[in-house]
Amino acid sequence: MTNKSNINLKKNIKKKKAVNIKIFKKNHTAPVKKIISEKKINTIKETIKLNSKKIVIVHGWDGDITRGWFPWLKKILEDQGFEVIMEQMPNDPTQPEIKAWTETLKNLVGNIDEETYFVGHSIGCQTIIRMLEKHESQKAGGAIFLAGWFNLKDYTYKENPKLEKVTRKIAEPWILTKIDFTQVQPKFLPGKITAIFSDNDPYVDLSNAETFKKNLGARILIENNKGHYSEAEIDMVPILAQEILRITKKD
């Protein structure tokens, strides 16, 4: 076949394809879906994030958010669609200070609204309460306090008087610095506070439960043989996850 013939054949094929495409378009008038721009996708993601509930978790004295039940809880909540904020408190966690911890938490949590919920362990419970006492927020969603305390048991470290003395010195400001609970309870939605304790906690006496109930209107739950819910002892706290899901559920 000559080159001229090849050229004519190609032209005819091209022309035929053009006619077929024109006929196809005429007979298929369904609208073509527009491709969503990357900018719009990012906007949608941000909107979802802004509308999601936020859970702020605060560890306790000498706590470590990379150990025990903290990673477990974080995963469970994220799998449920929550935004989880969980950071290590400043300085040496064995030397918790009211000002440093409450200011760090305030900066960490940012805006507080009815979609903001808190989870505190041990001295982390006081950190949340003391931060909210001074915070200008109108109202938070709710809170779960695990092994929280305002007073410690006497002679916690019976076999080590030196350690007992050091512990008392660190705990003293947290015990003696008064909290104005009238500035705290109104900042939570009604019925959205739970305080959980263990009946064999070596540091926290169950009398603390009454303080949570009286001053914050907390729902009190007491478990058997869970100690202080320390990271070194427990890698999951099912009742904690259950209560979070309960208080964040729409009424």
Protein backbone atom coordinates (compact mmCIF):
# COMPACT_ATOMS: atom_id res chain seq x y z
CA MET A 1 0.00 0.00 0.00
CA THR A 2 1.36 3.45 -0.97
CA ASN A 3 2.04 6.23 1.51
CA LYS A 4 -0.74 8.29 -0.07
CA SER A 5 -3.24 5.46 0.49
CA ASN A 6 -2.14 5.14 4.12
CA ILE A 7 -2.69 8.84 4.71
CA ASN A 8 -6.21 8.73 3.18
CA LEU A 9 -7.10 5.65 5.26
CA LYS A 10 -6.02 7.31 8.48
CA LYS A 11 -8.06 10.41 7.63
CA ASN A 12 -11.16 8.30 7.01
CA ILE A 13 -10.71 6.40 10.31
CA LYS A 14 -10.23 9.64 12.22
CA LYS A 15 -13.33 11.16 10.58
CA LYS A 16 -15.40 8.06 11.38
CA LYS A 17 -14.33 8.15 15.05
CA ALA A 18 -15.32 11.81 15.28
CA VAL A 19 -18.81 11.02 13.91
CA ASN A 20 -19.24 8.11 16.35
CA ILE A 21 -18.21 10.28 19.31
CA LYS A 22 -20.68 12.97 18.23
CA ILE A 23 -23.52 10.42 18.00
CA PHE A 24 -22.57 8.94 21.41
CA LYS A 25 -22.63 12.34 23.08
CA LYS A 26 -26.01 13.11 21.51
CA ASN A 27 -27.56 9.84 22.75
CA HIS A 28 -25.98 9.95 26.23
CA THR A 29 -27.02 13.20 27.82
CA ALA A 30 -26.46 12.19 31.50
CA PRO A 31 -24.63 14.95 33.36
CA VAL A 32 -20.91 14.42 33.89
CA LYS A 33 -19.86 14.52 37.59
CA LYS A 34 -17.57 17.37 38.46
CA ILE A 35 -14.26 16.52 40.08
CA ILE A 36 -14.09 17.94 43.61
CA SER A 37 -11.10 20.20 43.98
CA GLU A 38 -8.42 19.43 46.53
CA LYS A 39 -9.20 22.74 48.23
CA LYS A 40 -12.85 21.73 48.68
CA ILE A 41 -11.85 18.32 50.06
CA ASN A 42 -9.64 20.00 52.65
CA THR A 43 -12.50 22.33 53.56
CA ILE A 44 -14.81 19.33 54.07
CA LYS A 45 -12.21 17.62 56.26
CA GLU A 46 -11.80 20.74 58.39
CA THR A 47 -15.59 21.07 58.75
CA ILE A 48 -15.85 17.46 59.95
CA LYS A 49 -13.02 18.07 62.39
CA LEU A 50 -14.65 21.22 63.75
CA ASN A 51 -17.96 19.44 64.23
CA SER A 52 -16.49 16.37 65.99
CA LYS A 53 -16.37 15.92 69.74
CA LYS A 54 -13.03 16.57 71.38
CA ILE A 55 -11.67 14.41 74.22
CA VAL A 56 -8.85 15.88 76.30
CA ILE A 57 -6.94 13.31 78.38
CA VAL A 58 -4.70 14.36 81.29
CA HIS A 59 -2.37 11.84 82.92
CA GLY A 60 -1.56 11.71 86.61
CA TRP A 61 1.40 12.17 88.90
CA ASP A 62 4.43 10.45 87.36
CA GLY A 63 2.20 9.49 84.44
CA ASP A 64 3.31 8.36 80.99
CA ILE A 65 0.84 8.61 78.09
CA THR A 66 2.82 6.08 76.04
CA ARG A 67 2.17 3.28 78.55
CA GLY A 68 -0.66 1.32 80.13
CA TRP A 69 -4.25 2.17 79.24
CA PHE A 70 -3.55 5.55 77.62
CA PRO A 71 -2.71 4.27 74.09
CA TRP A 72 -5.58 1.78 74.35
CA LEU A 73 -8.11 4.50 75.23
CA LYS A 74 -6.80 6.88 72.57
CA LYS A 75 -7.26 4.24 69.86
CA ILE A 76 -10.77 3.32 71.00
CA LEU A 77 -11.88 6.95 70.97
CA GLU A 78 -10.29 7.74 67.60
CA ASP A 79 -11.94 4.65 66.12
CA GLN A 80 -15.25 6.13 67.30
CA GLY A 81 -14.50 9.37 65.44
CA PHE A 82 -13.43 11.52 68.37
CA GLU A 83 -10.61 14.02 68.18
CA VAL A 84 -8.24 13.06 71.00
CA ILE A 85 -5.85 15.52 72.63
CA MET A 86 -3.32 13.85 74.89
CA GLU A 87 0.09 15.30 75.69
CA GLN A 88 2.71 14.78 78.36
CA MET A 89 2.51 17.41 81.10
CA PRO A 90 5.52 19.75 81.47
CA ASN A 91 8.76 19.31 83.39
CA ASP A 92 9.37 16.19 85.46
CA PRO A 93 6.04 14.31 85.88
CA THR A 94 7.24 13.23 89.34
CA GLN A 95 7.16 16.92 90.34
CA PRO A 96 3.69 18.16 89.30
CA GLU A 97 3.07 21.87 89.87
CA ILE A 98 -0.36 23.48 89.79
CA LYS A 99 0.53 26.54 87.71
CA ALA A 100 2.66 24.71 85.15
CA TRP A 101 0.13 21.93 84.63
CA THR A 102 -3.01 24.08 84.49
CA GLU A 103 -1.45 26.63 82.11
CA THR A 104 -0.18 23.85 79.85
CA LEU A 105 -3.64 22.29 79.77
CA LYS A 106 -5.30 25.63 79.02
CA ASN A 107 -3.00 26.21 76.04
CA LEU A 108 -3.39 22.63 74.91
CA VAL A 109 -7.19 22.49 74.89
CA GLY A 110 -7.76 25.89 73.30
CA ASN A 111 -11.43 26.71 72.76
CA ILE A 112 -13.81 24.91 75.13
CA ASP A 113 -17.44 24.30 74.21
CA GLU A 114 -20.16 21.71 74.71
CA GLU A 115 -18.35 19.37 72.32
CA THR A 116 -15.28 19.31 74.61
CA TYR A 117 -14.93 16.47 77.10
CA PHE A 118 -12.22 15.74 79.65
CA VAL A 119 -10.67 12.58 81.08
CA GLY A 120 -8.35 12.89 84.06
CA HIS A 121 -6.36 10.37 86.04
CA SER A 122 -5.23 10.97 89.62
CA ILE A 123 -3.76 14.48 89.88
CA GLY A 124 -4.83 15.02 86.29
CA CYS A 125 -8.39 15.33 87.64
CA GLN A 126 -7.40 18.29 89.80
CA THR A 127 -5.52 19.77 86.85
CA ILE A 128 -8.73 19.79 84.79
CA ILE A 129 -10.82 21.19 87.64
CA ARG A 130 -8.33 23.93 88.51
CA MET A 131 -7.91 24.91 84.88
CA LEU A 132 -11.68 25.22 84.39
CA GLU A 133 -11.98 27.21 87.62
CA LYS A 134 -9.98 30.01 85.97
CA HIS A 135 -10.99 29.44 82.34
CA GLU A 136 -13.43 31.87 80.71
CA SER A 137 -15.29 29.13 78.85
CA GLN A 138 -19.09 29.15 79.04
CA LYS A 139 -19.67 25.40 79.24
CA ALA A 140 -17.83 22.16 78.48
CA GLY A 141 -19.46 18.87 77.58
CA GLY A 142 -18.51 16.70 80.53
CA ALA A 143 -15.73 14.84 82.31
CA ILE A 144 -14.65 11.45 83.61
CA PHE A 145 -12.41 11.55 86.66
CA LEU A 146 -10.45 8.35 87.37
CA ALA A 147 -8.89 7.86 90.84
CA GLY A 148 -9.10 11.59 91.47
CA TRP A 149 -8.24 13.01 94.86
CA PHE A 150 -8.22 16.13 97.02
CA ASN A 151 -6.62 14.34 99.97
CA LEU A 152 -4.24 11.38 100.09
CA LYS A 153 -4.29 8.48 102.50
CA ASP A 154 -2.04 8.85 105.55
CA TYR A 155 1.26 7.03 105.52
CA THR A 156 1.12 5.94 101.92
CA TYR A 157 4.76 4.89 101.95
CA LYS A 158 5.04 3.24 105.36
CA GLU A 159 8.26 1.41 104.55
CA ASN A 160 10.03 4.50 103.23
CA PRO A 161 9.64 7.55 105.53
CA LYS A 162 11.94 9.63 103.33
CA LEU A 163 9.78 9.04 100.26
CA GLU A 164 6.69 9.73 102.35
CA LYS A 165 8.09 13.14 103.30
CA VAL A 166 8.96 14.06 99.70
CA THR A 167 5.52 12.96 98.49
CA ARG A 168 3.74 15.03 101.13
CA LYS A 169 5.74 18.11 100.16
CA ILE A 170 4.79 17.80 96.49
CA ALA A 171 1.15 17.05 97.29
CA GLU A 172 0.77 19.86 99.82
CA PRO A 173 -0.11 22.70 97.38
CA TRP A 174 -2.65 20.46 95.62
CA ILE A 175 -4.28 19.66 98.97
CA LEU A 176 -4.14 23.08 100.64
CA THR A 177 -4.85 25.41 97.69
CA LYS A 178 -8.60 25.82 97.78
CA ILE A 179 -10.83 25.32 94.75
CA ASP A 180 -13.93 27.42 94.13
CA PHE A 181 -16.22 24.66 92.90
CA THR A 182 -18.98 27.21 92.21
CA GLN A 183 -16.81 28.30 89.26
CA VAL A 184 -16.44 24.72 88.01
CA GLN A 185 -19.71 22.79 88.18
CA PRO A 186 -21.69 25.29 86.04
CA LYS A 187 -19.12 24.83 83.27
CA PHE A 188 -20.33 21.28 82.62
CA LEU A 189 -23.58 20.06 81.12
CA PRO A 190 -25.90 18.57 83.80
CA GLY A 191 -25.37 14.87 84.48
CA LYS A 192 -22.17 14.69 82.45
CA ILE A 193 -19.60 14.16 85.22
CA THR A 194 -18.50 10.74 86.46
CA ALA A 195 -15.90 9.90 89.12
CA ILE A 196 -14.50 6.36 89.16
CA PHE A 197 -12.62 4.80 92.08
CA SER A 198 -11.16 1.48 93.19
CA ASP A 199 -11.88 0.03 96.61
CA ASN A 200 -8.22 -0.91 97.15
CA ASP A 201 -6.50 2.23 95.89
CA PRO A 202 -3.31 2.55 97.98
CA TYR A 203 -3.25 6.35 97.71
CA VAL A 204 -6.84 7.55 97.36
CA ASP A 205 -9.39 7.11 100.12
CA LEU A 206 -13.01 6.65 99.07
CA SER A 207 -13.93 9.77 101.05
CA ASN A 208 -12.81 11.66 97.96
CA ALA A 209 -15.86 10.28 96.16
CA GLU A 210 -18.11 12.34 98.41
CA THR A 211 -16.18 15.50 97.49
CA PHE A 212 -16.75 14.85 93.79
CA LYS A 213 -20.41 14.10 94.38
CA LYS A 214 -21.10 17.06 96.68
CA ASN A 215 -19.15 19.75 94.82
CA LEU A 216 -19.54 18.63 91.21
CA GLY A 217 -22.68 16.51 91.26
CA ALA A 218 -20.65 13.58 89.93
CA ARG A 219 -22.00 10.11 89.29
CA ILE A 220 -19.86 7.79 91.45
CA LEU A 221 -18.67 4.36 90.32
CA ILE A 222 -16.52 2.11 92.51
CA GLU A 223 -14.67 -0.92 91.13
CA ASN A 224 -13.07 -3.82 92.96
CA ASN A 225 -9.32 -4.41 93.14
CA LYS A 226 -8.14 -1.95 90.46
CA GLY A 227 -5.55 -0.22 92.63
CA HIS A 228 -4.72 3.29 91.44
CA TYR A 229 -5.30 2.43 87.76
CA SER A 230 -1.58 2.99 87.22
CA GLU A 231 -0.03 2.45 83.80
CA ALA A 232 2.35 -0.14 85.21
CA GLU A 233 -0.56 -2.23 86.49
CA ILE A 234 -3.45 -1.89 84.02
CA ASP A 235 -3.45 -1.74 80.22
CA MET A 236 -7.17 -1.11 79.76
CA VAL A 237 -10.10 0.33 81.73
CA PRO A 238 -13.35 -0.78 80.06
CA ILE A 239 -15.59 1.15 82.47
CA LEU A 240 -13.77 4.34 81.49
CA ALA A 241 -14.47 3.88 77.80
CA GLN A 242 -18.10 2.96 78.55
CA GLU A 243 -18.66 6.12 80.56
CA ILE A 244 -17.09 8.34 77.92
CA LEU A 245 -19.39 6.89 75.27
CA ARG A 246 -22.35 7.30 77.62
CA ILE A 247 -21.82 10.98 78.45
CA THR A 248 -20.98 11.95 74.88
CA LYS A 249 -24.11 10.31 73.51
CA LYS A 250 -26.84 12.73 72.53
CA ASP A 251 -29.80 12.67 74.89
